[in-house]
Amino acid sequence: MTNPSPEITPAPEARLPTREGVLRAADKIAALVPRTPLLPLELPDGATVWCKAECLQPVGAFKIRGAWHRLTDLSEDERTRGVVAVSSGNHAQGVAWAARRLGIAATIVMPSDAPAVKLNETRRLGAEVVPYERMTQSRDAIAAEICAERGSVLVHAYGDPWVIEGQGSAGIELASQMECFAGGGPTRIVTPCAGGGLASGLALACPEAEVVPVEPEGWDDVRRSLAGGAIVTVGANPPTTACDALQALTTFPINFAVMTSHGMQGQAVSEAEVRAAQAYAFAKLRLVVEPGGAAALAAVLAGKVPADGRTAVILSGGNVDPAAFARVIADN
């Protein structure tokens, strides 16, 4: 692979994400779609973790949360000018779904090598798809150009305060469900991580819980950023990964500030560990989870994150190519 083009940080927002914003987003989501299930999962060593099945959202991923919160807060003038997003597929579908429901034009900048199931569904939901080459072009630069030409509003996949708050609504649901089923709120939440939007939102939603972001090996810039105390990028020649949803090149200051203030430390998982987690979720929970969506469970199964009885795992997405998923199940 060649050296990826650096991503461009969006202009500073007029506001920062807050827990109050997360609670407001949670109210919006509660009025929109049913809560996703919280399922107990027994690990091979006999311990139990609690799995939040965001793979069962209407668009197959948690991204519907941030997209809905962001788009419903647009002014009437902003709605008429449309929205632009950058995504490998899950945020794309979340924005496209929300935009169609609200009558807003949506343009999504997507990598040309995104899974066909994600590309096709984004188009089916009515969004315009603008393809780009993941390793040689900057998706954010392309999106910025479109926004400048059309006057559209950028809805970034993770570097946006509304999106962070919307993703945090999953934590509000999770805490309520665990109070009911696990005898108390989560002490630890293990979550897949790309740029840190979901991890940041969960930290705001559940400030007493330890939040552990998990990335694929070679794409673990958030882990290294948190360990070193400064934002770093993925760097040149990152390895191929099946976790297409977790291929952000760098986190943004708005996310990094929340994650560091919460004292997060990340983990990285191998491709084999991800495949094993996909197979385990299918065998034990009867759930179809995409590679990126299984990263958090992979870290727990590999013993990289302990389970204490009130550890929660986010299964963040289920938009996987059927043939690829069948191979994973057959080989594990």
Protein backbone atom coordinates (compact mmCIF):
# COMPACT_ATOMS: atom_id res chain seq x y z
CA MET A 1 0.00 0.00 0.00
CA THR A 2 1.05 3.59 -0.52
CA ASN A 3 1.11 6.29 2.10
CA PRO A 4 -2.48 7.41 2.81
CA SER A 5 -3.33 11.03 2.24
CA PRO A 6 -3.76 12.84 5.58
CA GLU A 7 -7.30 13.57 6.62
CA ILE A 8 -8.39 17.17 7.01
CA THR A 9 -9.78 18.20 10.38
CA PRO A 10 -13.17 19.89 10.11
CA ALA A 11 -13.42 23.49 11.23
CA PRO A 12 -13.87 23.83 15.01
CA GLU A 13 -17.48 23.52 16.06
CA ALA A 14 -19.26 26.20 18.08
CA ARG A 15 -20.03 23.64 20.77
CA LEU A 16 -18.54 20.59 22.45
CA PRO A 17 -20.37 17.30 23.10
CA THR A 18 -21.96 17.07 26.54
CA ARG A 19 -23.79 14.49 28.61
CA GLU A 20 -26.87 16.68 28.42
CA GLY A 21 -26.62 16.41 24.64
CA VAL A 22 -26.33 12.63 24.93
CA LEU A 23 -29.49 12.50 27.03
CA ARG A 24 -31.34 14.66 24.50
CA ALA A 25 -30.15 12.39 21.69
CA ALA A 26 -31.30 9.34 23.67
CA ASP A 27 -34.79 10.81 23.94
CA LYS A 28 -34.86 11.33 20.16
CA ILE A 29 -33.72 7.77 19.47
CA ALA A 30 -36.20 6.32 21.96
CA ALA A 31 -39.01 7.96 19.99
CA LEU A 32 -37.62 6.71 16.69
CA VAL A 33 -36.68 3.02 16.97
CA PRO A 34 -36.92 0.23 19.58
CA ARG A 35 -33.96 -0.31 21.88
CA THR A 36 -31.49 -2.88 20.59
CA PRO A 37 -31.25 -6.03 22.72
CA LEU A 38 -28.74 -6.53 25.52
CA LEU A 39 -27.78 -10.22 25.47
CA PRO A 40 -25.81 -12.21 28.06
CA LEU A 41 -22.94 -14.16 26.55
CA GLU A 42 -21.04 -16.89 28.39
CA LEU A 43 -17.35 -16.88 27.53
CA PRO A 44 -15.28 -20.07 27.19
CA ASP A 45 -13.91 -19.56 30.74
CA GLY A 46 -17.44 -19.36 32.17
CA ALA A 47 -17.54 -15.60 32.71
CA THR A 48 -20.48 -13.60 31.38
CA VAL A 49 -20.40 -10.40 29.34
CA TRP A 50 -23.35 -8.34 28.18
CA CYS A 51 -23.56 -7.72 24.43
CA LYS A 52 -25.37 -4.67 23.06
CA ALA A 53 -26.58 -5.83 19.63
CA GLU A 54 -26.30 -2.63 17.59
CA CYS A 55 -25.97 -4.88 14.54
CA LEU A 56 -29.77 -5.13 14.72
CA GLN A 57 -30.41 -1.44 14.04
CA PRO A 58 -32.54 -0.62 10.94
CA VAL A 59 -29.35 0.19 9.00
CA GLY A 60 -27.41 -2.66 10.59
CA ALA A 61 -25.20 -0.43 12.77
CA PHE A 62 -25.17 2.12 15.59
CA LYS A 63 -24.48 4.94 13.13
CA ILE A 64 -28.18 5.68 12.83
CA ARG A 65 -27.94 7.32 16.26
CA GLY A 66 -25.47 10.09 15.48
CA ALA A 67 -26.93 10.69 12.04
CA TRP A 68 -30.43 11.18 13.40
CA HIS A 69 -29.33 13.50 16.19
CA ARG A 70 -27.27 15.61 13.79
CA LEU A 71 -29.81 15.89 10.98
CA THR A 72 -32.78 16.61 13.24
CA ASP A 73 -30.86 19.55 14.72
CA LEU A 74 -30.25 21.18 11.33
CA SER A 75 -31.98 24.47 10.64
CA GLU A 76 -34.53 24.68 7.84
CA ASP A 77 -31.98 26.54 5.70
CA GLU A 78 -29.35 23.86 6.32
CA ARG A 79 -31.83 21.14 5.39
CA THR A 80 -32.50 22.74 2.03
CA ARG A 81 -28.76 22.78 1.25
CA GLY A 82 -28.34 19.08 1.96
CA VAL A 83 -25.67 17.11 3.81
CA VAL A 84 -22.36 15.47 2.93
CA ALA A 85 -20.75 12.57 4.79
CA VAL A 86 -17.64 10.42 4.48
CA SER A 87 -17.91 6.73 5.28
CA SER A 88 -16.97 3.20 4.31
CA GLY A 89 -20.62 2.26 4.64
CA ASN A 90 -22.22 2.25 8.10
CA HIS A 91 -22.24 6.00 8.70
CA ALA A 92 -23.20 6.32 5.03
CA GLN A 93 -26.31 4.24 5.59
CA GLY A 94 -27.16 6.02 8.83
CA VAL A 95 -27.01 9.44 7.16
CA ALA A 96 -28.84 8.21 4.05
CA TRP A 97 -31.60 6.63 6.18
CA ALA A 98 -32.08 9.77 8.29
CA ALA A 99 -31.89 12.06 5.25
CA ARG A 100 -34.54 10.12 3.36
CA ARG A 101 -36.87 10.14 6.35
CA LEU A 102 -36.40 13.90 6.78
CA GLY A 103 -36.50 14.80 3.06
CA ILE A 104 -32.89 16.00 2.96
CA ALA A 105 -30.52 15.44 0.02
CA ALA A 106 -27.48 13.39 1.05
CA THR A 107 -24.13 12.89 -0.69
CA ILE A 108 -21.75 10.27 0.67
CA VAL A 109 -18.03 10.06 -0.12
CA MET A 110 -17.23 6.34 0.01
CA PRO A 111 -14.10 4.29 -0.73
CA SER A 112 -14.25 2.44 -4.02
CA ASP A 113 -13.34 -0.79 -2.23
CA ALA A 114 -16.15 -0.56 0.34
CA PRO A 115 -18.19 -3.78 0.63
CA ALA A 116 -20.75 -4.00 -2.14
CA VAL A 117 -23.52 -4.60 0.40
CA LYS A 118 -22.80 -1.18 1.95
CA LEU A 119 -22.46 0.67 -1.35
CA ASN A 120 -25.65 -0.82 -2.72
CA GLU A 121 -27.68 -0.14 0.40
CA THR A 122 -26.50 3.47 0.60
CA ARG A 123 -27.65 4.03 -2.97
CA ARG A 124 -30.93 2.20 -2.32
CA LEU A 125 -31.63 4.62 0.53
CA GLY A 126 -31.46 7.47 -1.97
CA ALA A 127 -28.04 8.99 -1.33
CA GLU A 128 -25.62 10.09 -4.05
CA VAL A 129 -22.36 8.13 -3.73
CA VAL A 130 -19.05 9.76 -4.69
CA PRO A 131 -16.29 7.10 -4.79
CA TYR A 132 -12.64 7.72 -3.88
CA GLU A 133 -9.42 5.70 -3.59
CA ARG A 134 -8.89 4.99 0.10
CA MET A 135 -5.08 4.96 0.11
CA THR A 136 -4.29 7.76 -2.33
CA GLN A 137 -7.06 10.34 -1.92
CA SER A 138 -8.32 12.32 1.07
CA ARG A 139 -12.00 11.67 1.61
CA ASP A 140 -12.28 14.75 3.79
CA ALA A 141 -10.76 16.97 1.11
CA ILE A 142 -13.29 15.65 -1.41
CA ALA A 143 -16.14 16.21 1.04
CA ALA A 144 -14.93 19.73 1.81
CA GLU A 145 -14.90 20.56 -1.90
CA ILE A 146 -18.46 19.31 -2.34
CA CYS A 147 -19.62 21.30 0.70
CA ALA A 148 -17.99 24.45 -0.69
CA GLU A 149 -19.59 23.98 -4.12
CA ARG A 150 -23.09 23.22 -2.85
CA GLY A 151 -23.24 24.91 0.52
CA SER A 152 -23.99 21.53 2.10
CA VAL A 153 -23.47 20.67 5.77
CA LEU A 154 -20.70 18.19 6.61
CA VAL A 155 -21.86 15.37 8.88
CA HIS A 156 -18.56 13.83 9.89
CA ALA A 157 -18.52 10.19 10.94
CA TYR A 158 -16.90 10.88 14.31
CA GLY A 159 -15.44 14.41 14.52
CA ASP A 160 -18.80 16.12 15.15
CA PRO A 161 -20.31 16.96 18.56
CA TRP A 162 -23.85 15.96 17.55
CA VAL A 163 -22.63 12.66 16.14
CA ILE A 164 -20.69 11.92 19.34
CA GLU A 165 -23.76 12.67 21.45
CA GLY A 166 -25.96 10.55 19.22
CA GLN A 167 -23.65 7.56 19.47
CA GLY A 168 -23.64 8.00 23.23
CA SER A 169 -27.35 7.24 23.30
CA ALA A 170 -26.35 3.57 23.05
CA GLY A 171 -24.71 3.96 26.46
CA ILE A 172 -27.87 5.43 27.99
CA GLU A 173 -29.84 2.41 26.80
CA LEU A 174 -27.09 0.04 27.88
CA ALA A 175 -26.93 1.43 31.42
CA SER A 176 -30.69 1.13 31.86
CA GLN A 177 -30.75 -2.43 30.54
CA MET A 178 -27.84 -3.52 32.73
CA GLU A 179 -29.47 -2.06 35.83
CA CYS A 180 -32.38 -4.36 35.07
CA PHE A 181 -30.56 -7.52 34.00
CA ALA A 182 -27.06 -7.33 35.49
CA GLY A 183 -27.80 -5.82 38.89
CA GLY A 184 -26.09 -2.51 38.15
CA GLY A 185 -24.71 -0.31 35.43
CA PRO A 186 -21.65 -1.27 33.41
CA THR A 187 -18.28 -1.16 35.12
CA ARG A 188 -16.53 -1.57 31.77
CA ILE A 189 -17.65 -1.03 28.16
CA VAL A 190 -15.57 -2.56 25.38
CA THR A 191 -16.24 -0.98 22.00
CA PRO A 192 -14.99 -1.14 18.43
CA CYS A 193 -13.17 2.05 17.50
CA ALA A 194 -12.30 3.87 14.28
CA GLY A 195 -12.03 7.59 15.00
CA GLY A 196 -13.49 7.52 18.49
CA GLY A 197 -17.03 8.82 18.00
CA LEU A 198 -18.70 5.87 19.72
CA ALA A 199 -16.05 5.58 22.44
CA SER A 200 -16.39 9.30 23.20
CA GLY A 201 -20.18 9.12 23.31
CA LEU A 202 -20.12 6.10 25.61
CA ALA A 203 -17.76 7.90 27.99
CA LEU A 204 -20.16 10.85 28.20
CA ALA A 205 -23.14 8.53 28.67
CA CYS A 206 -21.52 6.31 31.31
CA PRO A 207 -18.90 8.43 33.09
CA GLU A 208 -18.39 5.89 35.88
CA ALA A 209 -17.55 3.03 33.51
CA GLU A 210 -14.15 2.20 32.04
CA VAL A 211 -14.40 2.49 28.25
CA VAL A 212 -11.97 0.37 26.20
CA PRO A 213 -11.67 1.23 22.48
CA VAL A 214 -10.55 -1.67 20.28
CA GLU A 215 -8.99 -1.39 16.81
CA PRO A 216 -7.51 -3.83 14.29
CA GLU A 217 -3.74 -4.31 14.44
CA GLY A 218 -1.92 -1.83 12.23
CA TRP A 219 -4.89 0.57 12.38
CA ASP A 220 -4.58 1.20 16.13
CA ASP A 221 -3.76 4.91 15.98
CA VAL A 222 -6.24 5.69 18.78
CA ARG A 223 -4.56 3.15 21.07
CA ARG A 224 -1.15 4.63 20.33
CA SER A 225 -2.45 8.19 20.66
CA LEU A 226 -3.93 7.47 24.08
CA ALA A 227 -0.78 5.69 25.22
CA GLY A 228 1.48 8.52 24.07
CA GLY A 229 -0.68 11.44 25.09
CA ALA A 230 -0.77 13.01 21.61
CA ILE A 231 -2.67 12.33 18.40
CA VAL A 232 -0.82 10.18 15.87
CA THR A 233 -1.92 8.86 12.48
CA VAL A 234 -2.06 5.31 11.19
CA GLY A 235 1.08 6.00 9.16
CA ALA A 236 2.41 4.62 5.91
CA ASN A 237 1.56 1.20 4.51
CA PRO A 238 -1.04 -0.03 7.01
CA PRO A 239 -1.92 -3.71 6.64
CA THR A 240 -4.96 -5.05 4.87
CA THR A 241 -7.85 -5.58 7.27
CA ALA A 242 -11.33 -7.04 6.97
CA CYS A 243 -12.46 -4.36 9.44
CA ASP A 244 -13.37 -1.80 6.76
CA ALA A 245 -15.49 0.14 9.26
CA LEU A 246 -12.44 0.73 11.51
CA GLN A 247 -10.05 2.26 8.98
CA ALA A 248 -9.95 5.88 10.12
CA LEU A 249 -6.48 7.35 9.56
CA THR A 250 -6.52 9.49 12.71
CA THR A 251 -8.76 10.62 15.51
CA PHE A 252 -9.70 14.30 15.89
CA PRO A 253 -9.09 16.68 18.80
CA ILE A 254 -12.78 16.74 19.75
CA ASN A 255 -12.73 12.94 20.25
CA PHE A 256 -9.25 12.81 21.75
CA ALA A 257 -10.20 15.36 24.41
CA VAL A 258 -13.13 13.25 25.62
CA MET A 259 -11.18 9.99 25.51
CA THR A 260 -8.16 11.34 27.38
CA SER A 261 -10.28 13.10 30.00
CA HIS A 262 -11.90 9.73 30.65
CA GLY A 263 -8.50 8.04 31.02
CA MET A 264 -9.05 5.54 28.21
CA GLN A 265 -6.50 2.95 27.17
CA GLY A 266 -7.06 1.01 23.97
CA GLN A 267 -6.43 -2.49 22.66
CA ALA A 268 -5.65 -3.96 19.23
CA VAL A 269 -6.83 -7.29 17.82
CA SER A 270 -5.62 -9.52 15.01
CA GLU A 271 -7.58 -10.56 11.94
CA ALA A 272 -7.75 -14.14 13.28
CA GLU A 273 -9.14 -12.90 16.61
CA VAL A 274 -11.80 -10.89 14.78
CA ARG A 275 -12.87 -13.90 12.70
CA ALA A 276 -13.08 -16.04 15.84
CA ALA A 277 -15.30 -13.43 17.46
CA GLN A 278 -17.62 -13.30 14.45
CA ALA A 279 -17.98 -17.07 14.58
CA TYR A 280 -18.53 -17.07 18.35
CA ALA A 281 -21.28 -14.44 18.16
CA PHE A 282 -23.00 -16.44 15.45
CA ALA A 283 -22.73 -19.74 17.34
CA LYS A 284 -23.75 -18.44 20.76
CA LEU A 285 -26.03 -15.48 20.01
CA ARG A 286 -27.22 -16.32 16.50
CA LEU A 287 -26.07 -12.86 15.38
CA VAL A 288 -24.41 -11.82 12.13
CA VAL A 289 -21.66 -9.35 13.06
CA GLU A 290 -19.30 -7.73 10.56
CA PRO A 291 -15.53 -7.80 11.19
CA GLY A 292 -15.29 -4.27 12.57
CA GLY A 293 -18.40 -4.84 14.65
CA ALA A 294 -16.82 -7.87 16.30
CA ALA A 295 -13.54 -6.18 17.32
CA ALA A 296 -14.59 -5.51 20.92
CA LEU A 297 -15.74 -9.08 21.44
CA ALA A 298 -12.48 -10.25 19.88
CA ALA A 299 -10.49 -8.42 22.55
CA VAL A 300 -12.54 -10.03 25.33
CA LEU A 301 -12.33 -13.53 23.86
CA ALA A 302 -8.57 -13.15 23.41
CA GLY A 303 -8.15 -12.27 27.07
CA LYS A 304 -6.97 -8.74 26.34
CA VAL A 305 -9.82 -7.20 28.35
CA PRO A 306 -11.15 -8.85 31.53
CA ALA A 307 -14.81 -9.58 32.21
CA ASP A 308 -16.10 -8.87 35.71
CA GLY A 309 -19.80 -9.74 35.40
CA ARG A 310 -20.80 -6.18 34.52
CA THR A 311 -18.60 -5.82 31.46
CA ALA A 312 -20.50 -4.76 28.34
CA VAL A 313 -19.45 -5.38 24.75
CA ILE A 314 -20.73 -3.34 21.83
CA LEU A 315 -21.48 -5.39 18.69
CA SER A 316 -21.51 -2.29 16.55
CA GLY A 317 -22.49 -3.48 13.08
CA GLY A 318 -23.72 -6.38 10.98
CA ASN A 319 -23.28 -5.20 7.39
CA VAL A 320 -21.12 -7.98 6.06
CA ASP A 321 -20.81 -9.55 2.64
CA PRO A 322 -22.73 -12.86 2.83
CA ALA A 323 -20.07 -14.88 1.03
CA ALA A 324 -17.29 -13.49 3.23
CA PHE A 325 -19.30 -14.23 6.36
CA ALA A 326 -20.02 -17.76 5.21
CA ARG A 327 -16.27 -18.36 4.78
CA VAL A 328 -15.61 -17.09 8.30
CA ILE A 329 -18.20 -19.41 9.78
CA ALA A 330 -16.98 -22.38 7.75
CA ASP A 331 -13.34 -21.82 8.76
CA ASN A 332 -13.99 -21.31 12.47
